[in-house]
mmCIF file of all heavy atoms, coordinates in Angstrom:
data_MODEL
# 
_entry.id   MODEL 
# 
loop_
_atom_site.group_PDB 
_atom_site.id 
_atom_site.type_symbol 
_atom_site.label_atom_id 
_atom_site.label_alt_id 
_atom_site.label_comp_id 
_atom_site.label_asym_id 
_atom_site.label_entity_id 
_atom_site.label_seq_id 
_atom_site.pdbx_PDB_ins_code 
_atom_site.Cartn_x 
_atom_site.Cartn_y 
_atom_site.Cartn_z 
_atom_site.occupancy 
_atom_site.B_iso_or_equiv 
_atom_site.pdbx_formal_charge 
_atom_site.auth_seq_id 
_atom_site.auth_comp_id 
_atom_site.auth_asym_id 
_atom_site.auth_atom_id 
_atom_site.pdbx_PDB_model_num 
ATOM 1   N N   . ILE A 1 1  ? 196.290 102.222 -66.659 1.00 0.00 ? 1  ILE A N   1 
ATOM 2   C CA  . ILE A 1 1  ? 195.456 102.876 -67.670 1.00 0.00 ? 1  ILE A CA  1 
ATOM 3   C C   . ILE A 1 1  ? 196.081 102.718 -69.057 1.00 0.00 ? 1  ILE A C   1 
ATOM 4   O O   . ILE A 1 1  ? 195.388 102.444 -70.030 1.00 0.00 ? 1  ILE A O   1 
ATOM 5   C CB  . ILE A 1 1  ? 195.253 104.369 -67.316 1.00 0.00 ? 1  ILE A CB  1 
ATOM 6   C CG1 . ILE A 1 1  ? 194.380 104.484 -66.078 1.00 0.00 ? 1  ILE A CG1 1 
ATOM 7   C CG2 . ILE A 1 1  ? 194.634 105.137 -68.465 1.00 0.00 ? 1  ILE A CG2 1 
ATOM 8   C CD1 . ILE A 1 1  ? 194.263 105.887 -65.535 1.00 0.00 ? 1  ILE A CD1 1 
ATOM 9   N N   . LEU A 1 2  ? 197.402 102.878 -69.143 1.00 0.00 ? 2  LEU A N   1 
ATOM 10  C CA  . LEU A 1 2  ? 198.079 102.777 -70.432 1.00 0.00 ? 2  LEU A CA  1 
ATOM 11  C C   . LEU A 1 2  ? 198.086 101.357 -70.994 1.00 0.00 ? 2  LEU A C   1 
ATOM 12  O O   . LEU A 1 2  ? 198.217 101.163 -72.188 1.00 0.00 ? 2  LEU A O   1 
ATOM 13  C CB  . LEU A 1 2  ? 199.506 103.301 -70.327 1.00 0.00 ? 2  LEU A CB  1 
ATOM 14  C CG  . LEU A 1 2  ? 199.641 104.818 -70.159 1.00 0.00 ? 2  LEU A CG  1 
ATOM 15  C CD1 . LEU A 1 2  ? 201.094 105.188 -70.003 1.00 0.00 ? 2  LEU A CD1 1 
ATOM 16  C CD2 . LEU A 1 2  ? 199.015 105.545 -71.322 1.00 0.00 ? 2  LEU A CD2 1 
ATOM 17  N N   . LYS A 1 3  ? 197.935 100.362 -70.141 1.00 0.00 ? 3  LYS A N   1 
ATOM 18  C CA  . LYS A 1 3  ? 197.882 98.976  -70.603 1.00 0.00 ? 3  LYS A CA  1 
ATOM 19  C C   . LYS A 1 3  ? 196.509 98.619  -71.142 1.00 0.00 ? 3  LYS A C   1 
ATOM 20  O O   . LYS A 1 3  ? 196.358 97.614  -71.831 1.00 0.00 ? 3  LYS A O   1 
ATOM 21  C CB  . LYS A 1 3  ? 198.259 98.027  -69.464 1.00 0.00 ? 3  LYS A CB  1 
ATOM 22  C CG  . LYS A 1 3  ? 199.738 98.045  -69.168 1.00 0.00 ? 3  LYS A CG  1 
ATOM 23  C CD  . LYS A 1 3  ? 200.074 97.042  -68.099 1.00 0.00 ? 3  LYS A CD  1 
ATOM 24  C CE  . LYS A 1 3  ? 201.558 97.063  -67.776 1.00 0.00 ? 3  LYS A CE  1 
ATOM 25  N NZ  . LYS A 1 3  ? 201.915 96.096  -66.749 1.00 0.00 ? 3  LYS A NZ  1 
ATOM 26  N N   . ASN A 1 4  ? 195.540 99.428  -70.861 1.00 0.00 ? 4  ASN A N   1 
ATOM 27  C CA  . ASN A 1 4  ? 194.188 99.181  -71.352 1.00 0.00 ? 4  ASN A CA  1 
ATOM 28  C C   . ASN A 1 4  ? 194.179 99.335  -72.879 1.00 0.00 ? 4  ASN A C   1 
ATOM 29  O O   . ASN A 1 4  ? 194.634 100.324 -73.427 1.00 0.00 ? 4  ASN A O   1 
ATOM 30  C CB  . ASN A 1 4  ? 193.226 100.185 -70.701 1.00 0.00 ? 4  ASN A CB  1 
ATOM 31  C CG  . ASN A 1 4  ? 191.780 99.882  -71.015 1.00 0.00 ? 4  ASN A CG  1 
ATOM 32  O OD1 . ASN A 1 4  ? 191.473 99.163  -71.959 1.00 0.00 ? 4  ASN A OD1 1 
ATOM 33  N ND2 . ASN A 1 4  ? 190.901 100.438 -70.218 1.00 0.00 ? 4  ASN A ND2 1 
ATOM 34  N N   . LYS A 1 5  ? 193.652 98.335  -73.583 1.00 0.00 ? 5  LYS A N   1 
ATOM 35  C CA  . LYS A 1 5  ? 193.702 98.330  -75.043 1.00 0.00 ? 5  LYS A CA  1 
ATOM 36  C C   . LYS A 1 5  ? 192.861 99.454  -75.652 1.00 0.00 ? 5  LYS A C   1 
ATOM 37  O O   . LYS A 1 5  ? 193.187 99.983  -76.704 1.00 0.00 ? 5  LYS A O   1 
ATOM 38  C CB  . LYS A 1 5  ? 193.274 96.975  -75.597 1.00 0.00 ? 5  LYS A CB  1 
ATOM 39  C CG  . LYS A 1 5  ? 191.866 96.570  -75.262 1.00 0.00 ? 5  LYS A CG  1 
ATOM 40  C CD  . LYS A 1 5  ? 191.579 95.176  -75.771 1.00 0.00 ? 5  LYS A CD  1 
ATOM 41  C CE  . LYS A 1 5  ? 190.182 94.753  -75.299 1.00 0.00 ? 5  LYS A CE  1 
ATOM 42  N NZ  . LYS A 1 5  ? 189.892 93.402  -75.693 1.00 0.00 ? 5  LYS A NZ  1 
ATOM 43  N N   . TYR A 1 6  ? 191.816 99.862  -74.990 1.00 0.00 ? 6  TYR A N   1 
ATOM 44  C CA  . TYR A 1 6  ? 190.985 100.949 -75.512 1.00 0.00 ? 6  TYR A CA  1 
ATOM 45  C C   . TYR A 1 6  ? 191.720 102.289 -75.449 1.00 0.00 ? 6  TYR A C   1 
ATOM 46  O O   . TYR A 1 6  ? 191.635 103.108 -76.359 1.00 0.00 ? 6  TYR A O   1 
ATOM 47  C CB  . TYR A 1 6  ? 189.661 101.031 -74.740 1.00 0.00 ? 6  TYR A CB  1 
ATOM 48  C CG  . TYR A 1 6  ? 188.826 99.788  -74.906 1.00 0.00 ? 6  TYR A CG  1 
ATOM 49  C CD1 . TYR A 1 6  ? 188.611 98.922  -73.838 1.00 0.00 ? 6  TYR A CD1 1 
ATOM 50  C CD2 . TYR A 1 6  ? 188.256 99.460  -76.131 1.00 0.00 ? 6  TYR A CD2 1 
ATOM 51  C CE1 . TYR A 1 6  ? 187.849 97.787  -73.974 1.00 0.00 ? 6  TYR A CE1 1 
ATOM 52  C CE2 . TYR A 1 6  ? 187.498 98.319  -76.300 1.00 0.00 ? 6  TYR A CE2 1 
ATOM 53  C CZ  . TYR A 1 6  ? 187.298 97.483  -75.209 1.00 0.00 ? 6  TYR A CZ  1 
ATOM 54  O OH  . TYR A 1 6  ? 186.554 96.356  -75.360 1.00 0.00 ? 6  TYR A OH  1 
ATOM 55  N N   . VAL A 1 7  ? 192.457 102.484 -74.398 1.00 0.00 ? 7  VAL A N   1 
ATOM 56  C CA  . VAL A 1 7  ? 193.222 103.719 -74.250 1.00 0.00 ? 7  VAL A CA  1 
ATOM 57  C C   . VAL A 1 7  ? 194.327 103.774 -75.312 1.00 0.00 ? 7  VAL A C   1 
ATOM 58  O O   . VAL A 1 7  ? 194.567 104.815 -75.926 1.00 0.00 ? 7  VAL A O   1 
ATOM 59  C CB  . VAL A 1 7  ? 193.812 103.832 -72.825 1.00 0.00 ? 7  VAL A CB  1 
ATOM 60  C CG1 . VAL A 1 7  ? 194.773 104.991 -72.737 1.00 0.00 ? 7  VAL A CG1 1 
ATOM 61  C CG2 . VAL A 1 7  ? 192.705 103.948 -71.788 1.00 0.00 ? 7  VAL A CG2 1 
ATOM 62  N N   . ILE A 1 8  ? 194.956 102.647 -75.549 1.00 0.00 ? 8  ILE A N   1 
ATOM 63  C CA  . ILE A 1 8  ? 196.015 102.580 -76.559 1.00 0.00 ? 8  ILE A CA  1 
ATOM 64  C C   . ILE A 1 8  ? 195.446 102.884 -77.944 1.00 0.00 ? 8  ILE A C   1 
ATOM 65  O O   . ILE A 1 8  ? 196.023 103.666 -78.709 1.00 0.00 ? 8  ILE A O   1 
ATOM 66  C CB  . ILE A 1 8  ? 196.708 101.199 -76.531 1.00 0.00 ? 8  ILE A CB  1 
ATOM 67  C CG1 . ILE A 1 8  ? 197.474 101.043 -75.223 1.00 0.00 ? 8  ILE A CG1 1 
ATOM 68  C CG2 . ILE A 1 8  ? 197.635 101.034 -77.740 1.00 0.00 ? 8  ILE A CG2 1 
ATOM 69  C CD1 . ILE A 1 8  ? 198.046 99.672  -75.002 1.00 0.00 ? 8  ILE A CD1 1 
ATOM 70  N N   . VAL A 1 9  ? 194.308 102.290 -78.250 1.00 0.00 ? 9  VAL A N   1 
ATOM 71  C CA  . VAL A 1 9  ? 193.680 102.521 -79.547 1.00 0.00 ? 9  VAL A CA  1 
ATOM 72  C C   . VAL A 1 9  ? 193.289 103.996 -79.698 1.00 0.00 ? 9  VAL A C   1 
ATOM 73  O O   . VAL A 1 9  ? 193.505 104.605 -80.758 1.00 0.00 ? 9  VAL A O   1 
ATOM 74  C CB  . VAL A 1 9  ? 192.447 101.602 -79.730 1.00 0.00 ? 9  VAL A CB  1 
ATOM 75  C CG1 . VAL A 1 9  ? 191.625 102.024 -80.938 1.00 0.00 ? 9  VAL A CG1 1 
ATOM 76  C CG2 . VAL A 1 9  ? 192.880 100.158 -79.855 1.00 0.00 ? 9  VAL A CG2 1 
ATOM 77  N N   . ILE A 1 10 ? 192.744 104.569 -78.660 1.00 0.00 ? 10 ILE A N   1 
ATOM 78  C CA  . ILE A 1 10 ? 192.349 105.985 -78.707 1.00 0.00 ? 10 ILE A CA  1 
ATOM 79  C C   . ILE A 1 10 ? 193.578 106.877 -78.889 1.00 0.00 ? 10 ILE A C   1 
ATOM 80  O O   . ILE A 1 10 ? 193.561 107.825 -79.681 1.00 0.00 ? 10 ILE A O   1 
ATOM 81  C CB  . ILE A 1 10 ? 191.547 106.370 -77.450 1.00 0.00 ? 10 ILE A CB  1 
ATOM 82  C CG1 . ILE A 1 10 ? 190.171 105.714 -77.504 1.00 0.00 ? 10 ILE A CG1 1 
ATOM 83  C CG2 . ILE A 1 10 ? 191.413 107.878 -77.327 1.00 0.00 ? 10 ILE A CG2 1 
ATOM 84  C CD1 . ILE A 1 10 ? 189.360 105.859 -76.233 1.00 0.00 ? 10 ILE A CD1 1 
ATOM 85  N N   . LEU A 1 11 ? 194.657 106.589 -78.174 1.00 0.00 ? 11 LEU A N   1 
ATOM 86  C CA  . LEU A 1 11 ? 195.877 107.381 -78.312 1.00 0.00 ? 11 LEU A CA  1 
ATOM 87  C C   . LEU A 1 11 ? 196.464 107.273 -79.717 1.00 0.00 ? 11 LEU A C   1 
ATOM 88  O O   . LEU A 1 11 ? 196.889 108.274 -80.307 1.00 0.00 ? 11 LEU A O   1 
ATOM 89  C CB  . LEU A 1 11 ? 196.910 106.966 -77.280 1.00 0.00 ? 11 LEU A CB  1 
ATOM 90  C CG  . LEU A 1 11 ? 196.633 107.385 -75.833 1.00 0.00 ? 11 LEU A CG  1 
ATOM 91  C CD1 . LEU A 1 11 ? 197.684 106.784 -74.910 1.00 0.00 ? 11 LEU A CD1 1 
ATOM 92  C CD2 . LEU A 1 11 ? 196.594 108.891 -75.711 1.00 0.00 ? 11 LEU A CD2 1 
ATOM 93  N N   . VAL A 1 12 ? 196.499 106.064 -80.259 1.00 0.00 ? 12 VAL A N   1 
ATOM 94  C CA  . VAL A 1 12 ? 197.007 105.867 -81.617 1.00 0.00 ? 12 VAL A CA  1 
ATOM 95  C C   . VAL A 1 12 ? 196.124 106.613 -82.619 1.00 0.00 ? 12 VAL A C   1 
ATOM 96  O O   . VAL A 1 12 ? 196.620 107.280 -83.533 1.00 0.00 ? 12 VAL A O   1 
ATOM 97  C CB  . VAL A 1 12 ? 197.086 104.362 -81.961 1.00 0.00 ? 12 VAL A CB  1 
ATOM 98  C CG1 . VAL A 1 12 ? 197.326 104.146 -83.449 1.00 0.00 ? 12 VAL A CG1 1 
ATOM 99  C CG2 . VAL A 1 12 ? 198.149 103.686 -81.123 1.00 0.00 ? 12 VAL A CG2 1 
ATOM 100 N N   . PHE A 1 13 ? 194.827 106.553 -82.429 1.00 0.00 ? 13 PHE A N   1 
ATOM 101 C CA  . PHE A 1 13 ? 193.894 107.262 -83.307 1.00 0.00 ? 13 PHE A CA  1 
ATOM 102 C C   . PHE A 1 13 ? 194.119 108.777 -83.238 1.00 0.00 ? 13 PHE A C   1 
ATOM 103 O O   . PHE A 1 13 ? 194.153 109.457 -84.263 1.00 0.00 ? 13 PHE A O   1 
ATOM 104 C CB  . PHE A 1 13 ? 192.453 106.909 -82.926 1.00 0.00 ? 13 PHE A CB  1 
ATOM 105 C CG  . PHE A 1 13 ? 191.426 107.626 -83.723 1.00 0.00 ? 13 PHE A CG  1 
ATOM 106 C CD1 . PHE A 1 13 ? 191.178 107.273 -85.043 1.00 0.00 ? 13 PHE A CD1 1 
ATOM 107 C CD2 . PHE A 1 13 ? 190.707 108.674 -83.169 1.00 0.00 ? 13 PHE A CD2 1 
ATOM 108 C CE1 . PHE A 1 13 ? 190.233 107.949 -85.787 1.00 0.00 ? 13 PHE A CE1 1 
ATOM 109 C CE2 . PHE A 1 13 ? 189.755 109.347 -83.906 1.00 0.00 ? 13 PHE A CE2 1 
ATOM 110 C CZ  . PHE A 1 13 ? 189.522 108.990 -85.218 1.00 0.00 ? 13 PHE A CZ  1 
ATOM 111 N N   . LEU A 1 14 ? 194.292 109.313 -82.044 1.00 0.00 ? 14 LEU A N   1 
ATOM 112 C CA  . LEU A 1 14 ? 194.524 110.752 -81.888 1.00 0.00 ? 14 LEU A CA  1 
ATOM 113 C C   . LEU A 1 14 ? 195.838 111.189 -82.542 1.00 0.00 ? 14 LEU A C   1 
ATOM 114 O O   . LEU A 1 14 ? 195.893 112.227 -83.197 1.00 0.00 ? 14 LEU A O   1 
ATOM 115 C CB  . LEU A 1 14 ? 194.513 111.136 -80.409 1.00 0.00 ? 14 LEU A CB  1 
ATOM 116 C CG  . LEU A 1 14 ? 193.142 111.123 -79.725 1.00 0.00 ? 14 LEU A CG  1 
ATOM 117 C CD1 . LEU A 1 14 ? 193.299 111.406 -78.241 1.00 0.00 ? 14 LEU A CD1 1 
ATOM 118 C CD2 . LEU A 1 14 ? 192.206 112.121 -80.371 1.00 0.00 ? 14 LEU A CD2 1 
ATOM 119 N N   . VAL A 1 15 ? 196.880 110.382 -82.364 1.00 0.00 ? 15 VAL A N   1 
ATOM 120 C CA  . VAL A 1 15 ? 198.163 110.699 -83.001 1.00 0.00 ? 15 VAL A CA  1 
ATOM 121 C C   . VAL A 1 15 ? 197.994 110.673 -84.516 1.00 0.00 ? 15 VAL A C   1 
ATOM 122 O O   . VAL A 1 15 ? 198.504 111.553 -85.228 1.00 0.00 ? 15 VAL A O   1 
ATOM 123 C CB  . VAL A 1 15 ? 199.258 109.719 -82.546 1.00 0.00 ? 15 VAL A CB  1 
ATOM 124 C CG1 . VAL A 1 15 ? 200.486 109.811 -83.429 1.00 0.00 ? 15 VAL A CG1 1 
ATOM 125 C CG2 . VAL A 1 15 ? 199.609 109.959 -81.098 1.00 0.00 ? 15 VAL A CG2 1 
ATOM 126 N N   . PHE A 1 16 ? 197.272 109.703 -85.017 1.00 0.00 ? 16 PHE A N   1 
ATOM 127 C CA  . PHE A 1 16 ? 197.049 109.592 -86.446 1.00 0.00 ? 16 PHE A CA  1 
ATOM 128 C C   . PHE A 1 16 ? 196.283 110.808 -86.974 1.00 0.00 ? 16 PHE A C   1 
ATOM 129 O O   . PHE A 1 16 ? 196.657 111.399 -87.989 1.00 0.00 ? 16 PHE A O   1 
ATOM 130 C CB  . PHE A 1 16 ? 196.276 108.302 -86.747 1.00 0.00 ? 16 PHE A CB  1 
ATOM 131 C CG  . PHE A 1 16 ? 196.039 108.082 -88.207 1.00 0.00 ? 16 PHE A CG  1 
ATOM 132 C CD1 . PHE A 1 16 ? 197.058 107.620 -89.025 1.00 0.00 ? 16 PHE A CD1 1 
ATOM 133 C CD2 . PHE A 1 16 ? 194.806 108.341 -88.763 1.00 0.00 ? 16 PHE A CD2 1 
ATOM 134 C CE1 . PHE A 1 16 ? 196.841 107.417 -90.374 1.00 0.00 ? 16 PHE A CE1 1 
ATOM 135 C CE2 . PHE A 1 16 ? 194.584 108.148 -90.111 1.00 0.00 ? 16 PHE A CE2 1 
ATOM 136 C CZ  . PHE A 1 16 ? 195.598 107.693 -90.922 1.00 0.00 ? 16 PHE A CZ  1 
ATOM 137 N N   . ILE A 1 17 ? 195.235 111.194 -86.286 1.00 0.00 ? 17 ILE A N   1 
ATOM 138 C CA  . ILE A 1 17 ? 194.407 112.323 -86.713 1.00 0.00 ? 17 ILE A CA  1 
ATOM 139 C C   . ILE A 1 17 ? 195.177 113.642 -86.625 1.00 0.00 ? 17 ILE A C   1 
ATOM 140 O O   . ILE A 1 17 ? 195.088 114.491 -87.504 1.00 0.00 ? 17 ILE A O   1 
ATOM 141 C CB  . ILE A 1 17 ? 193.118 112.404 -85.865 1.00 0.00 ? 17 ILE A CB  1 
ATOM 142 C CG1 . ILE A 1 17 ? 192.199 111.237 -86.160 1.00 0.00 ? 17 ILE A CG1 1 
ATOM 143 C CG2 . ILE A 1 17 ? 192.389 113.715 -86.101 1.00 0.00 ? 17 ILE A CG2 1 
ATOM 144 C CD1 . ILE A 1 17 ? 191.695 111.202 -87.577 1.00 0.00 ? 17 ILE A CD1 1 
ATOM 145 N N   . VAL A 1 18 ? 195.922 113.848 -85.579 1.00 0.00 ? 18 VAL A N   1 
ATOM 146 C CA  . VAL A 1 18 ? 196.595 115.130 -85.358 1.00 0.00 ? 18 VAL A CA  1 
ATOM 147 C C   . VAL A 1 18 ? 197.850 115.280 -86.214 1.00 0.00 ? 18 VAL A C   1 
ATOM 148 O O   . VAL A 1 18 ? 198.125 116.353 -86.742 1.00 0.00 ? 18 VAL A O   1 
ATOM 149 C CB  . VAL A 1 18 ? 196.933 115.299 -83.853 1.00 0.00 ? 18 VAL A CB  1 
ATOM 150 C CG1 . VAL A 1 18 ? 197.802 116.502 -83.629 1.00 0.00 ? 18 VAL A CG1 1 
ATOM 151 C CG2 . VAL A 1 18 ? 195.668 115.388 -83.032 1.00 0.00 ? 18 VAL A CG2 1 
ATOM 152 N N   . ILE A 1 19 ? 198.607 114.213 -86.418 1.00 0.00 ? 19 ILE A N   1 
ATOM 153 C CA  . ILE A 1 19 ? 199.924 114.354 -87.035 1.00 0.00 ? 19 ILE A CA  1 
ATOM 154 C C   . ILE A 1 19 ? 200.058 113.641 -88.381 1.00 0.00 ? 19 ILE A C   1 
ATOM 155 O O   . ILE A 1 19 ? 200.501 114.236 -89.367 1.00 0.00 ? 19 ILE A O   1 
ATOM 156 C CB  . ILE A 1 19 ? 201.019 113.843 -86.070 1.00 0.00 ? 19 ILE A CB  1 
ATOM 157 C CG1 . ILE A 1 19 ? 201.013 114.684 -84.801 1.00 0.00 ? 19 ILE A CG1 1 
ATOM 158 C CG2 . ILE A 1 19 ? 202.387 113.882 -86.733 1.00 0.00 ? 19 ILE A CG2 1 
ATOM 159 C CD1 . ILE A 1 19 ? 201.921 114.174 -83.728 1.00 0.00 ? 19 ILE A CD1 1 
ATOM 160 N N   . ILE A 1 20 ? 199.671 112.415 -88.472 1.00 0.00 ? 20 ILE A N   1 
ATOM 161 C CA  . ILE A 1 20 ? 200.065 111.567 -89.594 1.00 0.00 ? 20 ILE A CA  1 
ATOM 162 C C   . ILE A 1 20 ? 199.177 111.703 -90.827 1.00 0.00 ? 20 ILE A C   1 
ATOM 163 O O   . ILE A 1 20 ? 199.676 111.792 -91.941 1.00 0.00 ? 20 ILE A O   1 
ATOM 164 C CB  . ILE A 1 20 ? 200.112 110.087 -89.133 1.00 0.00 ? 20 ILE A CB  1 
ATOM 165 C CG1 . ILE A 1 20 ? 201.139 109.934 -88.021 1.00 0.00 ? 20 ILE A CG1 1 
ATOM 166 C CG2 . ILE A 1 20 ? 200.418 109.173 -90.303 1.00 0.00 ? 20 ILE A CG2 1 
ATOM 167 C CD1 . ILE A 1 20 ? 201.161 108.580 -87.386 1.00 0.00 ? 20 ILE A CD1 1 
ATOM 168 N N   . ASP A 1 21 ? 197.893 111.736 -90.665 1.00 0.00 ? 21 ASP A N   1 
ATOM 169 C CA  . ASP A 1 21 ? 196.949 111.698 -91.776 1.00 0.00 ? 21 ASP A CA  1 
ATOM 170 C C   . ASP A 1 21 ? 197.124 112.890 -92.717 1.00 0.00 ? 21 ASP A C   1 
ATOM 171 O O   . ASP A 1 21 ? 197.567 113.955 -92.325 1.00 0.00 ? 21 ASP A O   1 
ATOM 172 C CB  . ASP A 1 21 ? 195.527 111.681 -91.224 1.00 0.00 ? 21 ASP A CB  1 
ATOM 173 C CG  . ASP A 1 21 ? 194.485 111.405 -92.273 1.00 0.00 ? 21 ASP A CG  1 
ATOM 174 O OD1 . ASP A 1 21 ? 194.802 110.725 -93.263 1.00 0.00 ? 21 ASP A OD1 1 
ATOM 175 O OD2 . ASP A 1 21 ? 193.345 111.879 -92.103 1.00 0.00 ? 21 ASP A OD2 1 
ATOM 176 N N   . ASP A 1 22 ? 196.771 112.712 -94.010 1.00 0.00 ? 22 ASP A N   1 
ATOM 177 C CA  . ASP A 1 22 ? 196.850 113.805 -94.990 1.00 0.00 ? 22 ASP A CA  1 
ATOM 178 C C   . ASP A 1 22 ? 195.916 114.950 -94.631 1.00 0.00 ? 22 ASP A C   1 
ATOM 179 O O   . ASP A 1 22 ? 196.175 116.096 -94.983 1.00 0.00 ? 22 ASP A O   1 
ATOM 180 C CB  . ASP A 1 22 ? 196.493 113.301 -96.390 1.00 0.00 ? 22 ASP A CB  1 
ATOM 181 C CG  . ASP A 1 22 ? 197.597 112.455 -96.982 1.00 0.00 ? 22 ASP A CG  1 
ATOM 182 O OD1 . ASP A 1 22 ? 198.738 112.566 -96.491 1.00 0.00 ? 22 ASP A OD1 1 
ATOM 183 O OD2 . ASP A 1 22 ? 197.317 111.696 -97.924 1.00 0.00 ? 22 ASP A OD2 1 
ATOM 184 N N   . THR A 1 23 ? 194.834 114.646 -93.989 1.00 0.00 ? 23 THR A N   1 
ATOM 185 C CA  . THR A 1 23 ? 193.885 115.681 -93.560 1.00 0.00 ? 23 THR A CA  1 
ATOM 186 C C   . THR A 1 23 ? 194.014 115.943 -92.066 1.00 0.00 ? 23 THR A C   1 
ATOM 187 O O   . THR A 1 23 ? 193.038 116.198 -91.377 1.00 0.00 ? 23 THR A O   1 
ATOM 188 C CB  . THR A 1 23 ? 192.443 115.249 -93.897 1.00 0.00 ? 23 THR A CB  1 
ATOM 189 O OG1 . THR A 1 23 ? 192.184 114.006 -93.250 1.00 0.00 ? 23 THR A OG1 1 
ATOM 190 C CG2 . THR A 1 23 ? 192.243 115.130 -95.386 1.00 0.00 ? 23 THR A CG2 1 
ATOM 191 N N   . SER A 1 24 ? 195.222 115.892 -91.576 1.00 0.00 ? 24 SER A N   1 
ATOM 192 C CA  . SER A 1 24 ? 195.465 116.072 -90.148 1.00 0.00 ? 24 SER A CA  1 
ATOM 193 C C   . SER A 1 24 ? 195.173 117.504 -89.726 1.00 0.00 ? 24 SER A C   1 
ATOM 194 O O   . SER A 1 24 ? 195.024 118.414 -90.544 1.00 0.00 ? 24 SER A O   1 
ATOM 195 C CB  . SER A 1 24 ? 196.908 115.721 -89.810 1.00 0.00 ? 24 SER A CB  1 
ATOM 196 O OG  . SER A 1 24 ? 197.772 116.669 -90.378 1.00 0.00 ? 24 SER A OG  1 
ATOM 197 N N   . LEU A 1 25 ? 195.102 117.713 -88.454 1.00 0.00 ? 25 LEU A N   1 
ATOM 198 C CA  . LEU A 1 25 ? 194.840 119.049 -87.929 1.00 0.00 ? 25 LEU A CA  1 
ATOM 199 C C   . LEU A 1 25 ? 195.982 120.000 -88.262 1.00 0.00 ? 25 LEU A C   1 
ATOM 200 O O   . LEU A 1 25 ? 195.751 121.167 -88.587 1.00 0.00 ? 25 LEU A O   1 
ATOM 201 C CB  . LEU A 1 25 ? 194.617 118.990 -86.416 1.00 0.00 ? 25 LEU A CB  1 
ATOM 202 C CG  . LEU A 1 25 ? 193.333 118.289 -85.955 1.00 0.00 ? 25 LEU A CG  1 
ATOM 203 C CD1 . LEU A 1 25 ? 193.310 118.191 -84.438 1.00 0.00 ? 25 LEU A CD1 1 
ATOM 204 C CD2 . LEU A 1 25 ? 192.122 119.012 -86.460 1.00 0.00 ? 25 LEU A CD2 1 
ATOM 205 N N   . MET A 1 26 ? 197.195 119.509 -88.183 1.00 0.00 ? 26 MET A N   1 
ATOM 206 C CA  . MET A 1 26 ? 198.351 120.354 -88.506 1.00 0.00 ? 26 MET A CA  1 
ATOM 207 C C   . MET A 1 26 ? 198.291 120.803 -89.966 1.00 0.00 ? 26 MET A C   1 
ATOM 208 O O   . MET A 1 26 ? 198.522 121.973 -90.271 1.00 0.00 ? 26 MET A O   1 
ATOM 209 C CB  . MET A 1 26 ? 199.649 119.607 -88.224 1.00 0.00 ? 26 MET A CB  1 
ATOM 210 C CG  . MET A 1 26 ? 199.895 119.395 -86.745 1.00 0.00 ? 26 MET A CG  1 
ATOM 211 S SD  . MET A 1 26 ? 201.298 118.332 -86.366 1.00 0.00 ? 26 MET A SD  1 
ATOM 212 C CE  . MET A 1 26 ? 202.627 119.126 -87.205 1.00 0.00 ? 26 MET A CE  1 
ATOM 213 N N   . MET A 1 27 ? 197.965 119.881 -90.855 1.00 0.00 ? 27 MET A N   1 
ATOM 214 C CA  . MET A 1 27 ? 197.859 120.219 -92.270 1.00 0.00 ? 27 MET A CA  1 
ATOM 215 C C   . MET A 1 27 ? 196.701 121.192 -92.499 1.00 0.00 ? 27 MET A C   1 
ATOM 216 O O   . MET A 1 27 ? 196.806 122.128 -93.290 1.00 0.00 ? 27 MET A O   1 
ATOM 217 C CB  . MET A 1 27 ? 197.651 118.955 -93.105 1.00 0.00 ? 27 MET A CB  1 
ATOM 218 C CG  . MET A 1 27 ? 197.560 119.219 -94.592 1.00 0.00 ? 27 MET A CG  1 
ATOM 219 S SD  . MET A 1 27 ? 199.058 119.894 -95.303 1.00 0.00 ? 27 MET A SD  1 
ATOM 220 C CE  . MET A 1 27 ? 200.061 118.442 -95.373 1.00 0.00 ? 27 MET A CE  1 
# 
């Protein structure tokens, strides 16, 4: 499942949205 490129993209997107972005959930 983790080798699937769609899962990787979704995980990277979620990490970006939750933690990294200026408008992240944490912020």
